[in-house]
Amino acid sequence: MLTPKETSVHGIPSMFLTHASDVLGDTSDGLSGSNIAKAFAGYAFDLDVHIPHASYPFDVPNKRTALLENLRCFEPEDQYRIIKELCEHPNLPQPVPDSVNNLKIQLIARYSDQFGSVSSETLNVTLVEEAKHWLSDYPASLKLYETALTKFNNNVFERNLLDDLRLSLELLLKAIFNNSKSFENQIPQIGGFISSKGGSKEFSNMFRTLVDYYSKYQNSFVKHNDAVIEEEVEFIFEMTSSFMKHLVKMSIKG
């Protein structure tokens, strides 16, 4: 019989597994005991792993304990996948509770580099790589951009993904314009900046107008608890990437 895996320095810490079990096994906002048992029975069969709690009702005090003891039987990379998929389980309360969304975001942010299978199948990869290249001299902006990319690639289409993109662009504008203005207060300066770098009047006006609409769109979602639409997030991501690429390229012109 396989024994529970001990957490290694390269694994997911026991404290995080406990937290994940508390969230996913929560009485109000988590999964039912029968859903937990059914999901883990499937994982155990697929991965040929023995688990202590494959059927419901459990022989432990609560479902959080059963979930944790089952989870500990798997390798770290499987634990990562299981937690992520349970955060997306169709039988979770709808809309998905903030505690579950936050768990998924924390999982991805902390452990996707080790265990996540990250590959964008929809974003313009060339544009994204170009944006990352041009942001290399702006580490604060780049860090937030890469955080947003990780969330996108892991299907975390939440408001804070848009917030990451917005703040990344805002930090870039502050660095280029050498000021501390808010995002909205940077917009009037953009047209003049482009004109000063040789851009046509038409391009300057178009760029400034697009950033203005971008800001209004962001405000609608970031400042209000609205559900974001996957296709729109993809468009906003690529628009942000294009803004950044061109702003940095223009900033280095004489």
Protein backbone atom coordinates (compact mmCIF):
# COMPACT_ATOMS: atom_id res chain seq x y z
CA MET A 1 0.00 0.00 0.00
CA LEU A 2 1.33 3.43 -0.88
CA THR A 3 1.85 5.79 2.01
CA PRO A 4 1.15 9.53 1.92
CA LYS A 5 3.87 11.51 0.20
CA GLU A 6 6.11 13.56 2.45
CA THR A 7 6.38 17.18 1.34
CA SER A 8 9.82 17.82 -0.13
CA VAL A 9 11.60 21.14 -0.51
CA HIS A 10 10.45 21.07 -4.12
CA GLY A 11 6.88 20.06 -3.37
CA ILE A 12 3.77 21.86 -2.23
CA PRO A 13 4.09 22.65 1.49
CA SER A 14 1.84 20.81 3.92
CA MET A 15 0.43 24.13 5.12
CA PHE A 16 -0.81 24.95 1.63
CA LEU A 17 -2.36 21.49 1.20
CA THR A 18 -4.18 22.00 4.50
CA HIS A 19 -5.43 25.41 3.40
CA ALA A 20 -6.59 24.00 0.05
CA SER A 21 -8.46 21.21 1.85
CA ASP A 22 -10.14 23.69 4.19
CA VAL A 23 -11.30 25.82 1.25
CA LEU A 24 -12.43 23.01 -1.03
CA GLY A 25 -14.04 21.10 1.81
CA ASP A 26 -15.78 24.10 3.32
CA THR A 27 -19.37 23.39 4.38
CA SER A 28 -20.89 26.37 2.58
CA ASP A 29 -18.48 27.27 -0.23
CA GLY A 30 -16.75 23.98 -1.00
CA LEU A 31 -17.58 20.61 -2.50
CA SER A 32 -19.90 18.03 -1.01
CA GLY A 33 -18.47 14.88 0.55
CA SER A 34 -19.81 12.72 -2.26
CA ASN A 35 -18.25 14.98 -4.91
CA ILE A 36 -14.90 14.85 -3.12
CA ALA A 37 -15.01 11.04 -2.88
CA LYS A 38 -16.01 10.65 -6.53
CA ALA A 39 -13.30 13.02 -7.77
CA PHE A 40 -10.54 11.36 -5.76
CA ALA A 41 -11.65 7.87 -6.71
CA GLY A 42 -11.17 8.92 -10.33
CA TYR A 43 -7.73 10.40 -9.69
CA ALA A 44 -6.67 7.32 -7.72
CA PHE A 45 -7.77 4.99 -10.52
CA ASP A 46 -6.11 7.06 -13.27
CA LEU A 47 -2.82 7.44 -11.40
CA ASP A 48 -2.81 3.98 -9.75
CA VAL A 49 -2.63 5.43 -6.25
CA HIS A 50 -4.23 4.00 -3.11
CA ILE A 51 -6.23 6.57 -1.14
CA PRO A 52 -7.74 6.11 2.33
CA HIS A 53 -11.10 7.70 1.52
CA ALA A 54 -12.52 6.53 -1.81
CA SER A 55 -16.17 6.42 -0.82
CA TYR A 56 -18.66 8.51 1.12
CA PRO A 57 -19.55 8.78 3.98
CA PHE A 58 -15.99 9.11 5.26
CA ASP A 59 -14.66 7.40 8.40
CA VAL A 60 -13.03 10.62 9.62
CA PRO A 61 -14.61 13.56 11.49
CA ASN A 62 -15.13 15.77 8.43
CA LYS A 63 -14.68 16.01 4.66
CA ARG A 64 -11.78 18.48 4.97
CA THR A 65 -9.74 15.83 6.74
CA ALA A 66 -10.67 13.21 4.15
CA LEU A 67 -9.71 15.57 1.33
CA LEU A 68 -6.34 16.36 2.91
CA GLU A 69 -5.48 12.72 3.63
CA ASN A 70 -6.38 11.75 0.07
CA LEU A 71 -4.43 14.66 -1.39
CA ARG A 72 -1.28 13.70 0.51
CA CYS A 73 -1.18 10.34 -1.29
CA PHE A 74 -0.28 11.95 -4.63
CA GLU A 75 2.95 13.31 -6.07
CA PRO A 76 3.35 17.12 -5.94
CA GLU A 77 2.70 17.60 -9.66
CA ASP A 78 -0.52 15.60 -9.30
CA GLN A 79 -1.48 17.54 -6.18
CA TYR A 80 -1.12 20.72 -8.19
CA ARG A 81 -3.39 19.43 -10.97
CA ILE A 82 -5.95 18.03 -8.53
CA ILE A 83 -6.26 21.26 -6.56
CA LYS A 84 -6.52 23.31 -9.74
CA GLU A 85 -9.18 21.04 -11.22
CA LEU A 86 -11.17 20.91 -7.99
CA CYS A 87 -11.18 24.72 -8.01
CA GLU A 88 -12.90 24.43 -11.41
CA HIS A 89 -15.30 21.65 -10.39
CA PRO A 90 -18.76 22.13 -11.95
CA ASN A 91 -20.52 21.28 -8.69
CA LEU A 92 -19.02 24.15 -6.73
CA PRO A 93 -21.49 26.85 -5.67
CA GLN A 94 -22.19 29.36 -8.45
CA PRO A 95 -20.88 31.95 -8.82
CA VAL A 96 -17.65 30.36 -7.66
CA PRO A 97 -16.85 31.68 -4.15
CA ASP A 98 -14.01 34.18 -3.76
CA SER A 99 -12.22 31.78 -1.41
CA VAL A 100 -11.98 29.17 -4.20
CA ASN A 101 -10.91 31.71 -6.81
CA ASN A 102 -8.25 33.05 -4.45
CA LEU A 103 -7.00 29.53 -3.77
CA LYS A 104 -6.61 28.88 -7.49
CA ILE A 105 -4.75 32.15 -7.99
CA GLN A 106 -2.43 31.43 -5.05
CA LEU A 107 -1.75 27.93 -6.37
CA ILE A 108 -0.83 29.19 -9.81
CA ALA A 109 1.19 32.16 -8.57
CA ARG A 110 3.28 30.04 -6.19
CA TYR A 111 3.66 26.69 -7.92
CA SER A 112 2.92 26.93 -11.65
CA ASP A 113 6.64 27.33 -12.43
CA GLN A 114 7.28 23.92 -10.84
CA PHE A 115 4.17 21.97 -11.69
CA GLY A 116 1.99 23.91 -14.10
CA SER A 117 1.65 23.03 -17.74
CA VAL A 118 1.66 26.57 -19.12
CA SER A 119 1.18 27.22 -22.80
CA SER A 120 -0.95 29.84 -24.46
CA GLU A 121 -3.08 28.38 -27.23
CA THR A 122 -4.93 31.58 -28.06
CA LEU A 123 -2.70 34.58 -27.38
CA ASN A 124 -0.47 35.95 -30.12
CA VAL A 125 2.74 34.38 -28.82
CA THR A 126 5.01 36.54 -30.99
CA LEU A 127 3.40 39.72 -29.70
CA VAL A 128 3.65 38.54 -26.09
CA GLU A 129 7.34 37.67 -26.47
CA GLU A 130 8.03 41.03 -28.09
CA ALA A 131 6.28 42.82 -25.24
CA LYS A 132 8.34 40.90 -22.69
CA HIS A 133 11.51 41.79 -24.61
CA TRP A 134 10.72 45.50 -24.64
CA LEU A 135 9.77 45.42 -20.95
CA SER A 136 13.10 43.92 -19.91
CA ASP A 137 14.35 47.34 -18.76
CA TYR A 138 11.17 47.88 -16.73
CA PRO A 139 11.21 45.01 -14.19
CA ALA A 140 8.26 46.17 -12.09
CA SER A 141 6.04 46.37 -15.14
CA LEU A 142 7.40 43.11 -16.54
CA LYS A 143 6.73 41.24 -13.29
CA LEU A 144 3.04 42.18 -13.32
CA TYR A 145 2.78 41.42 -17.04
CA GLU A 146 4.19 37.92 -16.48
CA THR A 147 1.84 37.39 -13.52
CA ALA A 148 -1.10 38.24 -15.77
CA LEU A 149 0.25 35.89 -18.44
CA THR A 150 0.51 33.02 -15.95
CA LYS A 151 -3.10 33.57 -14.90
CA PHE A 152 -4.28 33.72 -18.51
CA ASN A 153 -2.43 30.55 -19.48
CA ASN A 154 -4.02 28.79 -16.52
CA ASN A 155 -7.55 29.94 -17.41
CA VAL A 156 -7.86 32.32 -14.47
CA PHE A 157 -10.12 34.85 -16.18
CA GLU A 158 -10.66 37.02 -13.15
CA ARG A 159 -10.82 40.76 -12.57
CA ASN A 160 -7.37 40.80 -11.01
CA LEU A 161 -5.87 39.56 -14.27
CA LEU A 162 -7.16 42.76 -15.89
CA ASP A 163 -5.94 44.70 -12.88
CA ASP A 164 -2.44 43.23 -13.33
CA LEU A 165 -2.39 44.34 -16.96
CA ARG A 166 -3.64 47.81 -16.13
CA LEU A 167 -1.11 48.32 -13.34
CA SER A 168 1.69 46.95 -15.51
CA LEU A 169 0.87 49.54 -18.19
CA GLU A 170 0.49 52.27 -15.56
CA LEU A 171 3.94 51.51 -14.12
CA LEU A 172 5.43 51.59 -17.59
CA LEU A 173 3.90 55.01 -18.30
CA LYS A 174 5.18 56.35 -14.97
CA ALA A 175 8.68 55.15 -15.80
CA ILE A 176 8.66 56.51 -19.36
CA PHE A 177 7.11 59.87 -18.40
CA ASN A 178 9.10 60.04 -15.14
CA ASN A 179 6.10 60.99 -13.00
CA SER A 180 3.75 59.45 -10.44
CA LYS A 181 0.41 60.24 -12.07
CA SER A 182 -2.51 57.83 -12.04
CA PHE A 183 -3.34 55.90 -15.20
CA GLU A 184 -6.22 58.18 -16.16
CA ASN A 185 -4.06 61.28 -15.73
CA GLN A 186 -1.40 59.89 -18.06
CA ILE A 187 -3.76 59.68 -21.04
CA PRO A 188 -3.65 63.37 -22.11
CA GLN A 189 0.15 63.18 -22.17
CA ILE A 190 0.28 60.19 -24.49
CA GLY A 191 -0.69 62.05 -27.66
CA GLY A 192 1.94 64.72 -27.14
CA PHE A 193 4.56 62.08 -26.34
CA ILE A 194 3.90 60.24 -29.60
CA SER A 195 3.97 63.48 -31.58
CA SER A 196 7.30 64.41 -29.97
CA LYS A 197 8.73 61.11 -31.19
CA GLY A 198 7.73 61.75 -34.80
CA GLY A 199 4.34 60.08 -34.82
CA SER A 200 1.68 61.48 -37.15
CA LYS A 201 -1.19 63.52 -35.75
CA GLU A 202 -3.63 60.80 -36.82
CA PHE A 203 -1.63 58.07 -35.09
CA SER A 204 -1.20 60.17 -31.94
CA ASN A 205 -4.94 60.83 -31.73
CA MET A 206 -5.83 57.20 -32.44
CA PHE A 207 -3.38 55.85 -29.85
CA ARG A 208 -4.58 58.25 -27.16
CA THR A 209 -8.23 57.46 -27.94
CA LEU A 210 -7.62 53.73 -27.76
CA VAL A 211 -5.90 54.07 -24.38
CA ASP A 212 -8.81 56.19 -23.17
CA TYR A 213 -11.33 53.50 -24.16
CA TYR A 214 -9.03 50.88 -22.66
CA SER A 215 -9.10 52.77 -19.36
CA LYS A 216 -12.90 53.01 -19.39
CA TYR A 217 -13.23 49.30 -20.13
CA GLN A 218 -10.85 48.45 -17.30
CA ASN A 219 -12.73 50.66 -14.88
CA SER A 220 -15.96 48.86 -15.69
CA PHE A 221 -14.51 45.52 -14.60
CA VAL A 222 -11.75 46.34 -12.13
CA LYS A 223 -13.83 48.74 -10.05
CA HIS A 224 -17.01 46.64 -10.16
CA ASN A 225 -17.57 42.96 -9.45
CA ASP A 226 -18.45 41.96 -13.02
CA ALA A 227 -17.62 38.65 -14.67
CA VAL A 228 -15.02 38.97 -17.39
CA ILE A 229 -15.41 37.28 -20.77
CA GLU A 230 -12.59 35.05 -21.96
CA GLU A 231 -12.54 36.35 -25.54
CA GLU A 232 -12.46 39.93 -24.32
CA VAL A 233 -9.60 39.23 -21.92
CA GLU A 234 -7.58 37.81 -24.82
CA PHE A 235 -8.21 40.99 -26.83
CA ILE A 236 -7.33 43.26 -23.88
CA PHE A 237 -4.16 41.25 -23.24
CA GLU A 238 -2.97 41.67 -26.81
CA MET A 239 -3.97 45.35 -26.85
CA THR A 240 -1.95 45.94 -23.67
CA SER A 241 1.00 44.11 -25.21
CA SER A 242 0.82 46.27 -28.32
CA PHE A 243 0.56 49.49 -26.29
CA MET A 244 3.62 48.52 -24.26
CA LYS A 245 5.71 47.45 -27.21
CA HIS A 246 5.14 50.69 -29.10
CA LEU A 247 5.50 52.96 -26.08
CA VAL A 248 8.90 51.51 -25.19
CA LYS A 249 10.10 51.59 -28.80
CA MET A 250 9.06 55.23 -29.12
CA SER A 251 10.67 56.13 -25.78
CA ILE A 252 14.12 55.22 -27.06
CA LYS A 253 13.83 57.38 -30.16
CA GLY A 254 15.82 60.58 -30.17
